[in-house]
Amino acid sequence: MGRDDSQGKSNNTNSLPQTPKNLKISPNKVHEEFAQELDELEELVKKAKQFKKK
């Protein structure tokens, strides 16, 4: 008995294994999430530079 090597489309395209439902991001909101993360990173870099100047 071998495995089925079919390469068809999966039924679980929107599921992430072992990820809580409240942490999942819908595919159309991924770019928005990245933009928020980059904004937060930029703010942290600015604060770190100000801290170094003191």
PDB file of N, CA and C in Angstrom:
ATOM      1  N   MET A   1       0.838  -1.188   0.000  1.00  0.00           N
ATOM      2  CA  MET A   1       0.000   0.000   0.000  1.00  0.00           C
ATOM      3  C   MET A   1       0.879   1.246   0.000  1.00  0.00           C
ATOM      4  N   GLY A   2       0.868   1.967  -1.081  1.00  0.00           N
ATOM      5  CA  GLY A   2       1.642   3.194  -1.184  1.00  0.00           C
ATOM      6  C   GLY A   2       0.780   4.413  -0.935  1.00  0.00           C
ATOM      7  N   ARG A   3       1.414   5.532  -0.935  1.00  0.00           N
ATOM      8  CA  ARG A   3       0.669   6.779  -0.742  1.00  0.00           C
ATOM      9  C   ARG A   3       0.077   7.247  -2.057  1.00  0.00           C
ATOM     10  N   ASP A   4      -0.964   8.026  -1.960  1.00  0.00           N
ATOM     11  CA  ASP A   4      -1.568   8.611  -3.145  1.00  0.00           C
ATOM     12  C   ASP A   4      -0.738   9.831  -3.524  1.00  0.00           C
ATOM     13  N   ASP A   5      -0.109   9.810  -4.672  1.00  0.00           N
ATOM     14  CA  ASP A   5       0.775  10.904  -5.092  1.00  0.00           C
ATOM     15  C   ASP A   5       0.054  11.931  -5.955  1.00  0.00           C
ATOM     16  N   SER A   6      -1.232  12.056  -5.797  1.00  0.00           N
ATOM     17  CA  SER A   6      -1.960  13.017  -6.614  1.00  0.00           C
ATOM     18  C   SER A   6      -1.549  14.438  -6.240  1.00  0.00           C
ATOM     19  N   GLN A   7      -1.423  15.299  -7.218  1.00  0.00           N
ATOM     20  CA  GLN A   7      -0.978  16.672  -7.013  1.00  0.00           C
ATOM     21  C   GLN A   7      -2.137  17.664  -7.204  1.00  0.00           C
ATOM     22  N   GLY A   8      -3.328  17.225  -6.960  1.00  0.00           N
ATOM     23  CA  GLY A   8      -4.503  18.063  -7.148  1.00  0.00           C
ATOM     24  C   GLY A   8      -4.610  19.154  -6.107  1.00  0.00           C
ATOM     25  N   LYS A   9      -5.595  20.015  -6.276  1.00  0.00           N
ATOM     26  CA  LYS A   9      -5.820  21.123  -5.349  1.00  0.00           C
ATOM     27  C   LYS A   9      -6.269  20.601  -3.989  1.00  0.00           C
ATOM     28  N   SER A  10      -5.725  21.179  -2.946  1.00  0.00           N
ATOM     29  CA  SER A  10      -6.055  20.756  -1.592  1.00  0.00           C
ATOM     30  C   SER A  10      -7.378  21.377  -1.143  1.00  0.00           C
ATOM     31  N   ASN A  11      -8.076  20.669  -0.273  1.00  0.00           N
ATOM     32  CA  ASN A  11      -9.315  21.194   0.294  1.00  0.00           C
ATOM     33  C   ASN A  11      -9.037  22.145   1.448  1.00  0.00           C
ATOM     34  N   ASN A  12      -7.806  22.192   1.937  1.00  0.00           N
ATOM     35  CA  ASN A  12      -7.454  22.978   3.110  1.00  0.00           C
ATOM     36  C   ASN A  12      -6.636  24.213   2.748  1.00  0.00           C
ATOM     37  N   THR A  13      -6.971  24.890   1.671  1.00  0.00           N
ATOM     38  CA  THR A  13      -6.159  26.027   1.228  1.00  0.00           C
ATOM     39  C   THR A  13      -6.224  27.202   2.194  1.00  0.00           C
ATOM     40  N   ASN A  14      -7.288  27.345   2.961  1.00  0.00           N
ATOM     41  CA  ASN A  14      -7.420  28.471   3.880  1.00  0.00           C
ATOM     42  C   ASN A  14      -7.099  28.103   5.325  1.00  0.00           C
ATOM     43  N   SER A  15      -6.599  26.900   5.552  1.00  0.00           N
ATOM     44  CA  SER A  15      -6.328  26.506   6.923  1.00  0.00           C
ATOM     45  C   SER A  15      -4.828  26.466   7.174  1.00  0.00           C
ATOM     46  N   LEU A  16      -4.452  26.839   8.374  1.00  0.00           N
ATOM     47  CA  LEU A  16      -3.068  26.749   8.798  1.00  0.00           C
ATOM     48  C   LEU A  16      -3.027  25.769   9.959  1.00  0.00           C
ATOM     49  N   PRO A  17      -2.212  24.746   9.880  1.00  0.00           N
ATOM     50  CA  PRO A  17      -2.198  23.751  10.944  1.00  0.00           C
ATOM     51  C   PRO A  17      -1.730  24.329  12.272  1.00  0.00           C
ATOM     52  N   GLN A  18      -2.415  23.994  13.311  1.00  0.00           N
ATOM     53  CA  GLN A  18      -2.094  24.364  14.683  1.00  0.00           C
ATOM     54  C   GLN A  18      -1.970  25.869  14.887  1.00  0.00           C
ATOM     55  N   THR A  19      -2.782  26.646  14.197  1.00  0.00           N
ATOM     56  CA  THR A  19      -2.826  28.092  14.381  1.00  0.00           C
ATOM     57  C   THR A  19      -4.204  28.440  14.939  1.00  0.00           C
ATOM     58  N   PRO A  20      -4.263  29.107  16.088  1.00  0.00           N
ATOM     59  CA  PRO A  20      -5.568  29.484  16.644  1.00  0.00           C
ATOM     60  C   PRO A  20      -6.331  30.393  15.682  1.00  0.00           C
ATOM     61  N   LYS A  21      -7.639  30.265  15.673  1.00  0.00           N
ATOM     62  CA  LYS A  21      -8.461  31.035  14.742  1.00  0.00           C
ATOM     63  C   LYS A  21      -8.294  32.538  14.917  1.00  0.00           C
ATOM     64  N   ASN A  22      -8.054  33.001  16.150  1.00  0.00           N
ATOM     65  CA  ASN A  22      -7.930  34.438  16.360  1.00  0.00           C
ATOM     66  C   ASN A  22      -6.595  34.987  15.858  1.00  0.00           C
ATOM     67  N   LEU A  23      -5.634  34.119  15.493  1.00  0.00           N
ATOM     68  CA  LEU A  23      -4.341  34.574  14.979  1.00  0.00           C
ATOM     69  C   LEU A  23      -4.228  34.456  13.462  1.00  0.00           C
ATOM     70  N   LYS A  24      -5.222  33.880  12.825  1.00  0.00           N
ATOM     71  CA  LYS A  24      -5.178  33.715  11.376  1.00  0.00           C
ATOM     72  C   LYS A  24      -5.509  35.038  10.696  1.00  0.00           C
ATOM     73  N   ILE A  25      -4.823  35.316   9.606  1.00  0.00           N
ATOM     74  CA  ILE A  25      -5.043  36.528   8.818  1.00  0.00           C
ATOM     75  C   ILE A  25      -5.554  36.097   7.457  1.00  0.00           C
ATOM     76  N   SER A  26      -6.625  36.716   7.009  1.00  0.00           N
ATOM     77  CA  SER A  26      -7.142  36.362   5.700  1.00  0.00           C
ATOM     78  C   SER A  26      -6.161  36.832   4.618  1.00  0.00           C
ATOM     79  N   PRO A  27      -6.081  36.117   3.512  1.00  0.00           N
ATOM     80  CA  PRO A  27      -5.092  36.435   2.483  1.00  0.00           C
ATOM     81  C   PRO A  27      -5.188  37.856   1.935  1.00  0.00           C
ATOM     82  N   ASN A  28      -6.373  38.435   1.915  1.00  0.00           N
ATOM     83  CA  ASN A  28      -6.496  39.786   1.371  1.00  0.00           C
ATOM     84  C   ASN A  28      -6.062  40.863   2.363  1.00  0.00           C
ATOM     85  N   LYS A  29      -5.760  40.509   3.594  1.00  0.00           N
ATOM     86  CA  LYS A  29      -5.312  41.475   4.596  1.00  0.00           C
ATOM     87  C   LYS A  29      -3.819  41.353   4.916  1.00  0.00           C
ATOM     88  N   VAL A  30      -3.111  40.483   4.208  1.00  0.00           N
ATOM     89  CA  VAL A  30      -1.698  40.246   4.496  1.00  0.00           C
ATOM     90  C   VAL A  30      -0.875  41.502   4.239  1.00  0.00           C
ATOM     91  N   HIS A  31      -1.120  42.198   3.130  1.00  0.00           N
ATOM     92  CA  HIS A  31      -0.352  43.405   2.819  1.00  0.00           C
ATOM     93  C   HIS A  31      -0.559  44.476   3.883  1.00  0.00           C
ATOM     94  N   GLU A  32      -1.770  44.593   4.380  1.00  0.00           N
ATOM     95  CA  GLU A  32      -2.064  45.554   5.451  1.00  0.00           C
ATOM     96  C   GLU A  32      -1.290  45.205   6.720  1.00  0.00           C
ATOM     97  N   GLU A  33      -1.224  43.928   7.034  1.00  0.00           N
ATOM     98  CA  GLU A  33      -0.491  43.474   8.225  1.00  0.00           C
ATOM     99  C   GLU A  33       1.000  43.778   8.092  1.00  0.00           C
ATOM    100  N   PHE A  34       1.574  43.527   6.900  1.00  0.00           N
ATOM    101  CA  PHE A  34       2.985  43.828   6.681  1.00  0.00           C
ATOM    102  C   PHE A  34       3.251  45.319   6.819  1.00  0.00           C
ATOM    103  N   ALA A  35       2.359  46.144   6.294  1.00  0.00           N
ATOM    104  CA  ALA A  35       2.529  47.587   6.375  1.00  0.00           C
ATOM    105  C   ALA A  35       2.521  48.052   7.832  1.00  0.00           C
ATOM    106  N   GLN A  36       1.646  47.498   8.642  1.00  0.00           N
ATOM    107  CA  GLN A  36       1.602  47.858  10.061  1.00  0.00           C
ATOM    108  C   GLN A  36       2.892  47.444  10.769  1.00  0.00           C
ATOM    109  N   GLU A  37       3.384  46.259  10.451  1.00  0.00           N
ATOM    110  CA  GLU A  37       4.628  45.786  11.067  1.00  0.00           C
ATOM    111  C   GLU A  37       5.803  46.682  10.680  1.00  0.00           C
ATOM    112  N   LEU A  38       5.868  47.097   9.416  1.00  0.00           N
ATOM    113  CA  LEU A  38       6.956  47.972   8.977  1.00  0.00           C
ATOM    114  C   LEU A  38       6.876  49.334   9.645  1.00  0.00           C
ATOM    115  N   ASP A  39       5.670  49.855   9.836  1.00  0.00           N
ATOM    116  CA  ASP A  39       5.507  51.133  10.540  1.00  0.00           C
ATOM    117  C   ASP A  39       5.987  51.020  11.979  1.00  0.00           C
ATOM    118  N   GLU A  40       5.649  49.937  12.639  1.00  0.00           N
ATOM    119  CA  GLU A  40       6.091  49.726  14.019  1.00  0.00           C
ATOM    120  C   GLU A  40       7.614  49.610  14.089  1.00  0.00           C
ATOM    121  N   LEU A  41       8.191  48.917  13.124  1.00  0.00           N
ATOM    122  CA  LEU A  41       9.645  48.758  13.091  1.00  0.00           C
ATOM    123  C   LEU A  41      10.325  50.105  12.878  1.00  0.00           C
ATOM    124  N   GLU A  42       9.781  50.921  12.002  1.00  0.00           N
ATOM    125  CA  GLU A  42      10.338  52.253  11.747  1.00  0.00           C
ATOM    126  C   GLU A  42      10.314  53.112  13.010  1.00  0.00           C
ATOM    127  N   GLU A  43       9.218  53.040  13.748  1.00  0.00           N
ATOM    128  CA  GLU A  43       9.113  53.795  14.994  1.00  0.00           C
ATOM    129  C   GLU A  43      10.146  53.315  16.018  1.00  0.00           C
ATOM    130  N   LEU A  44      10.348  52.012  16.103  1.00  0.00           N
ATOM    131  CA  LEU A  44      11.336  51.473  17.034  1.00  0.00           C
ATOM    132  C   LEU A  44      12.750  51.913  16.669  1.00  0.00           C
ATOM    133  N   VAL A  45      13.053  51.966  15.377  1.00  0.00           N
ATOM    134  CA  VAL A  45      14.378  52.404  14.933  1.00  0.00           C
ATOM    135  C   VAL A  45      14.582  53.872  15.287  1.00  0.00           C
ATOM    136  N   LYS A  46      13.563  54.688  15.085  1.00  0.00           N
ATOM    137  CA  LYS A  46      13.667  56.115  15.425  1.00  0.00           C
ATOM    138  C   LYS A  46      13.912  56.299  16.922  1.00  0.00           C
ATOM    139  N   LYS A  47      13.188  55.548  17.736  1.00  0.00           N
ATOM    140  CA  LYS A  47      13.363  55.646  19.188  1.00  0.00           C
ATOM    141  C   LYS A  47      14.759  55.200  19.603  1.00  0.00           C
ATOM    142  N   ALA A  48      15.267  54.152  18.969  1.00  0.00           N
ATOM    143  CA  ALA A  48      16.603  53.650  19.301  1.00  0.00           C
ATOM    144  C   ALA A  48      17.669  54.673  18.935  1.00  0.00           C
ATOM    145  N   LYS A  49      17.504  55.352  17.815  1.00  0.00           N
ATOM    146  CA  LYS A  49      18.470  56.377  17.405  1.00  0.00           C
ATOM    147  C   LYS A  49      18.436  57.550  18.367  1.00  0.00           C
ATOM    148  N   GLN A  50      17.251  57.943  18.814  1.00  0.00           N
ATOM    149  CA  GLN A  50      17.133  59.042  19.768  1.00  0.00           C
ATOM    150  C   GLN A  50      17.767  58.654  21.097  1.00  0.00           C
ATOM    151  N   PHE A  51      17.621  57.430  21.504  1.00  0.00           N
ATOM    152  CA  PHE A  51      18.168  56.941  22.751  1.00  0.00           C
ATOM    153  C   PHE A  51      19.699  56.934  22.716  1.00  0.00           C
ATOM    154  N   LYS A  52      20.274  56.580  21.556  1.00  0.00           N
ATOM    155  CA  LYS A  52      21.715  56.534  21.399  1.00  0.00           C
ATOM    156  C   LYS A  52      22.313  57.942  21.455  1.00  0.00           C
ATOM    157  N   LYS A  53      21.587  58.941  20.979  1.00  0.00           N
ATOM    158  CA  LYS A  53      22.089  60.316  20.956  1.00  0.00           C
ATOM    159  C   LYS A  53      22.235  60.874  22.357  1.00  0.00           C
ATOM    160  N   LYS A  54      21.437  60.408  23.290  1.00  0.00           N
ATOM    161  CA  LYS A  54      21.449  60.954  24.645  1.00  0.00           C
ATOM    162  C   LYS A  54      22.645  60.534  25.410  1.00  0.00           C
TER     163      LYS A  54
END
